[in-house]
Amino acid sequence: MKNQYTINKSILIEHVDNEFLLLDSDKNTISIVNASCMEIIDLIRKDKALSEIVEHFISKYDVEQEEAQKDILEVIQNLESIGVAFKK
């Protein structure tokens, strides 16, 4: 079974300088994320599984699989904790 996630449909995204604002219209909250986090959000929106997201970061950046998976899972868990991402 693939680890798949989805992004909350009520999230609006605004690009400001080098950061992204995640506006949750249901909760009336704003979260600020960096470009790497936004890249993970974009890949989740493209229905990529965790393993595919990890492979993307390994091929794009010079990073080991274990480190990439740990860091990506941490980002996804943070996104889950603020209601931006959900496990399918």
N, C-alpha and C. Protein backbone atom coordinates (compact mmCIF):
# COMPACT_ATOMS: atom_id res chain seq x y z
N MET A 1 0.84 -1.18 0.00
CA MET A 1 0.00 0.00 0.00
C MET A 1 0.89 1.25 0.00
N LYS A 2 0.55 2.20 -0.87
CA LYS A 2 1.33 3.42 -0.98
C LYS A 2 0.87 4.44 0.06
N ASN A 3 1.84 5.13 0.65
CA ASN A 3 1.49 6.24 1.55
C ASN A 3 1.11 7.43 0.68
N GLN A 4 -0.17 7.77 0.68
CA GLN A 4 -0.66 8.87 -0.13
C GLN A 4 -1.33 9.90 0.75
N TYR A 5 -1.22 11.13 0.35
CA TYR A 5 -1.79 12.23 1.10
C TYR A 5 -2.61 13.10 0.16
N THR A 6 -3.40 13.97 0.73
CA THR A 6 -4.17 14.93 -0.04
C THR A 6 -4.07 16.28 0.66
N ILE A 7 -4.27 17.33 -0.10
CA ILE A 7 -4.21 18.69 0.44
C ILE A 7 -5.63 19.20 0.66
N ASN A 8 -5.83 19.82 1.79
CA ASN A 8 -7.13 20.40 2.15
C ASN A 8 -7.58 21.35 1.03
N LYS A 9 -8.79 21.14 0.54
CA LYS A 9 -9.32 21.93 -0.57
C LYS A 9 -9.58 23.39 -0.20
N SER A 10 -9.69 23.69 1.09
CA SER A 10 -9.97 25.07 1.50
C SER A 10 -8.71 25.92 1.63
N ILE A 11 -7.56 25.35 1.28
CA ILE A 11 -6.29 26.07 1.38
C ILE A 11 -6.04 26.89 0.10
N LEU A 12 -5.82 28.16 0.29
CA LEU A 12 -5.42 29.05 -0.81
C LEU A 12 -3.95 29.37 -0.61
N ILE A 13 -3.22 29.48 -1.71
CA ILE A 13 -1.77 29.69 -1.62
C ILE A 13 -1.39 30.99 -2.31
N GLU A 14 -0.61 31.79 -1.61
CA GLU A 14 -0.09 33.05 -2.15
C GLU A 14 1.43 33.04 -2.04
N HIS A 15 2.10 33.41 -3.12
CA HIS A 15 3.57 33.47 -3.14
C HIS A 15 3.99 34.90 -2.79
N VAL A 16 4.77 35.04 -1.73
CA VAL A 16 5.25 36.34 -1.29
C VAL A 16 6.76 36.23 -1.05
N ASP A 17 7.52 36.96 -1.86
CA ASP A 17 8.98 36.91 -1.80
C ASP A 17 9.45 35.46 -1.95
N ASN A 18 10.19 34.93 -0.99
CA ASN A 18 10.70 33.55 -1.07
C ASN A 18 9.87 32.58 -0.23
N GLU A 19 8.70 33.02 0.20
CA GLU A 19 7.85 32.18 1.04
C GLU A 19 6.47 32.05 0.43
N PHE A 20 5.72 31.12 0.97
CA PHE A 20 4.36 30.88 0.51
C PHE A 20 3.43 30.98 1.71
N LEU A 21 2.33 31.69 1.53
CA LEU A 21 1.31 31.79 2.56
C LEU A 21 0.22 30.78 2.27
N LEU A 22 -0.09 29.95 3.25
CA LEU A 22 -1.18 28.98 3.13
C LEU A 22 -2.36 29.54 3.91
N LEU A 23 -3.39 29.94 3.21
CA LEU A 23 -4.55 30.56 3.82
C LEU A 23 -5.65 29.53 3.92
N ASP A 24 -6.04 29.20 5.15
CA ASP A 24 -7.11 28.24 5.37
C ASP A 24 -8.41 29.02 5.57
N SER A 25 -9.26 29.00 4.56
CA SER A 25 -10.50 29.79 4.61
C SER A 25 -11.52 29.22 5.59
N ASP A 26 -11.41 27.94 5.93
CA ASP A 26 -12.33 27.34 6.91
C ASP A 26 -11.97 27.75 8.33
N LYS A 27 -10.67 27.76 8.64
CA LYS A 27 -10.21 28.06 10.00
C LYS A 27 -9.77 29.51 10.18
N ASN A 28 -9.73 30.25 9.07
CA ASN A 28 -9.24 31.63 9.10
C ASN A 28 -7.83 31.71 9.69
N THR A 29 -6.95 30.84 9.19
CA THR A 29 -5.56 30.83 9.64
C THR A 29 -4.62 31.02 8.45
N ILE A 30 -3.42 31.48 8.76
CA ILE A 30 -2.37 31.64 7.76
C ILE A 30 -1.13 30.93 8.26
N SER A 31 -0.53 30.13 7.41
CA SER A 31 0.74 29.47 7.72
C SER A 31 1.74 29.88 6.65
N ILE A 32 2.99 30.02 7.05
CA ILE A 32 4.05 30.40 6.12
C ILE A 32 4.97 29.20 5.92
N VAL A 33 5.25 28.87 4.66
CA VAL A 33 6.13 27.74 4.35
C VAL A 33 7.18 28.18 3.33
N ASN A 34 8.28 27.43 3.29
CA ASN A 34 9.34 27.74 2.34
C ASN A 34 9.13 27.00 1.02
N ALA A 35 10.03 27.21 0.08
CA ALA A 35 9.91 26.64 -1.26
C ALA A 35 9.94 25.11 -1.25
N SER A 36 10.76 24.51 -0.39
CA SER A 36 10.82 23.04 -0.33
C SER A 36 9.51 22.45 0.15
N CYS A 37 8.92 23.07 1.14
CA CYS A 37 7.62 22.62 1.63
C CYS A 37 6.56 22.78 0.54
N MET A 38 6.62 23.88 -0.18
CA MET A 38 5.66 24.11 -1.26
C MET A 38 5.84 23.07 -2.36
N GLU A 39 7.07 22.66 -2.60
CA GLU A 39 7.35 21.63 -3.59
C GLU A 39 6.68 20.31 -3.18
N ILE A 40 6.74 19.99 -1.89
CA ILE A 40 6.08 18.79 -1.38
C ILE A 40 4.57 18.91 -1.55
N ILE A 41 4.02 20.07 -1.24
CA ILE A 41 2.58 20.30 -1.42
C ILE A 41 2.19 20.10 -2.89
N ASP A 42 2.97 20.66 -3.80
CA ASP A 42 2.69 20.52 -5.23
C ASP A 42 2.70 19.05 -5.66
N LEU A 43 3.67 18.29 -5.15
CA LEU A 43 3.75 16.86 -5.50
C LEU A 43 2.57 16.09 -4.92
N ILE A 44 2.14 16.43 -3.72
CA ILE A 44 0.95 15.79 -3.13
C ILE A 44 -0.27 16.11 -3.99
N ARG A 45 -0.38 17.36 -4.42
CA ARG A 45 -1.51 17.75 -5.29
C ARG A 45 -1.50 16.99 -6.61
N LYS A 46 -0.33 16.58 -7.05
CA LYS A 46 -0.21 15.79 -8.29
C LYS A 46 -0.42 14.30 -8.01
N ASP A 47 -0.90 14.00 -6.79
CA ASP A 47 -1.23 12.63 -6.38
C ASP A 47 -0.02 11.71 -6.31
N LYS A 48 1.13 12.27 -5.95
CA LYS A 48 2.35 11.47 -5.80
C LYS A 48 2.37 10.81 -4.42
N ALA A 49 2.80 9.57 -4.39
CA ALA A 49 2.95 8.83 -3.13
C ALA A 49 4.22 9.30 -2.43
N LEU A 50 4.31 8.99 -1.15
CA LEU A 50 5.48 9.36 -0.36
C LEU A 50 6.77 8.90 -1.04
N SER A 51 6.79 7.66 -1.51
CA SER A 51 8.01 7.13 -2.15
C SER A 51 8.37 7.93 -3.40
N GLU A 52 7.39 8.40 -4.14
CA GLU A 52 7.65 9.20 -5.34
C GLU A 52 8.17 10.59 -4.97
N ILE A 53 7.66 11.14 -3.89
CA ILE A 53 8.14 12.44 -3.42
C ILE A 53 9.60 12.32 -2.98
N VAL A 54 9.90 11.26 -2.24
CA VAL A 54 11.28 11.01 -1.80
C VAL A 54 12.19 10.87 -3.01
N GLU A 55 11.80 10.08 -4.00
CA GLU A 55 12.62 9.89 -5.20
C GLU A 55 12.84 11.21 -5.93
N HIS A 56 11.82 12.04 -5.98
CA HIS A 56 11.94 13.35 -6.61
C HIS A 56 13.04 14.18 -5.94
N PHE A 57 13.02 14.22 -4.60
CA PHE A 57 14.01 15.01 -3.87
C PHE A 57 15.41 14.40 -3.98
N ILE A 58 15.50 13.08 -4.00
CA ILE A 58 16.80 12.43 -4.16
C ILE A 58 17.41 12.78 -5.51
N SER A 59 16.59 12.74 -6.57
CA SER A 59 17.11 13.02 -7.91
C SER A 59 17.39 14.50 -8.14
N LYS A 60 16.63 15.37 -7.48
CA LYS A 60 16.80 16.82 -7.69
C LYS A 60 17.91 17.41 -6.82
N TYR A 61 18.02 16.90 -5.60
CA TYR A 61 19.00 17.41 -4.64
C TYR A 61 19.96 16.29 -4.27
N ASP A 62 21.13 16.63 -3.84
CA ASP A 62 22.12 15.63 -3.45
C ASP A 62 21.84 15.22 -2.00
N VAL A 63 20.92 14.28 -1.81
CA VAL A 63 20.50 13.87 -0.48
C VAL A 63 20.31 12.36 -0.46
N GLU A 64 20.63 11.76 0.66
CA GLU A 64 20.46 10.32 0.83
C GLU A 64 18.98 9.99 1.06
N GLN A 65 18.57 8.78 0.68
CA GLN A 65 17.17 8.39 0.79
C GLN A 65 16.65 8.48 2.22
N GLU A 66 17.41 7.97 3.16
CA GLU A 66 16.97 7.96 4.56
C GLU A 66 16.74 9.38 5.09
N GLU A 67 17.66 10.28 4.77
CA GLU A 67 17.53 11.66 5.20
C GLU A 67 16.35 12.34 4.52
N ALA A 68 16.20 12.11 3.20
CA ALA A 68 15.09 12.71 2.46
C ALA A 68 13.75 12.23 3.01
N GLN A 69 13.63 10.93 3.24
CA GLN A 69 12.36 10.40 3.75
C GLN A 69 12.04 10.96 5.13
N LYS A 70 13.03 11.02 5.99
CA LYS A 70 12.83 11.56 7.35
C LYS A 70 12.37 13.01 7.28
N ASP A 71 13.06 13.83 6.48
CA ASP A 71 12.72 15.25 6.38
C ASP A 71 11.35 15.46 5.74
N ILE A 72 11.04 14.71 4.71
CA ILE A 72 9.75 14.85 4.03
C ILE A 72 8.61 14.42 4.95
N LEU A 73 8.81 13.33 5.67
CA LEU A 73 7.77 12.89 6.62
C LEU A 73 7.54 13.94 7.69
N GLU A 74 8.60 14.57 8.15
CA GLU A 74 8.47 15.62 9.16
C GLU A 74 7.65 16.79 8.62
N VAL A 75 7.92 17.18 7.38
CA VAL A 75 7.16 18.27 6.76
C VAL A 75 5.69 17.87 6.63
N ILE A 76 5.43 16.66 6.15
CA ILE A 76 4.05 16.20 5.97
C ILE A 76 3.34 16.14 7.32
N GLN A 77 4.02 15.67 8.35
CA GLN A 77 3.39 15.63 9.68
C GLN A 77 3.07 17.03 10.17
N ASN A 78 3.94 17.99 9.90
CA ASN A 78 3.66 19.38 10.25
C ASN A 78 2.45 19.91 9.48
N LEU A 79 2.37 19.56 8.20
CA LEU A 79 1.22 19.97 7.39
C LEU A 79 -0.07 19.33 7.90
N GLU A 80 0.04 18.08 8.35
CA GLU A 80 -1.14 17.42 8.93
C GLU A 80 -1.56 18.11 10.23
N SER A 81 -0.59 18.49 11.03
CA SER A 81 -0.91 19.09 12.34
C SER A 81 -1.62 20.44 12.21
N ILE A 82 -1.40 21.15 11.10
CA ILE A 82 -2.08 22.42 10.90
C ILE A 82 -3.28 22.30 9.96
N GLY A 83 -3.61 21.07 9.59
CA GLY A 83 -4.81 20.84 8.78
C GLY A 83 -4.66 21.10 7.30
N VAL A 84 -3.42 21.15 6.82
CA VAL A 84 -3.20 21.39 5.39
C VAL A 84 -3.20 20.08 4.61
N ALA A 85 -2.61 19.04 5.17
CA ALA A 85 -2.51 17.74 4.49
C ALA A 85 -3.23 16.67 5.33
N PHE A 86 -3.74 15.66 4.62
CA PHE A 86 -4.40 14.53 5.25
C PHE A 86 -3.96 13.25 4.57
N LYS A 87 -3.83 12.19 5.34
CA LYS A 87 -3.52 10.89 4.76
C LYS A 87 -4.78 10.35 4.10
N LYS A 88 -4.60 9.79 2.90
CA LYS A 88 -5.75 9.22 2.16
C LYS A 88 -6.18 7.92 2.77
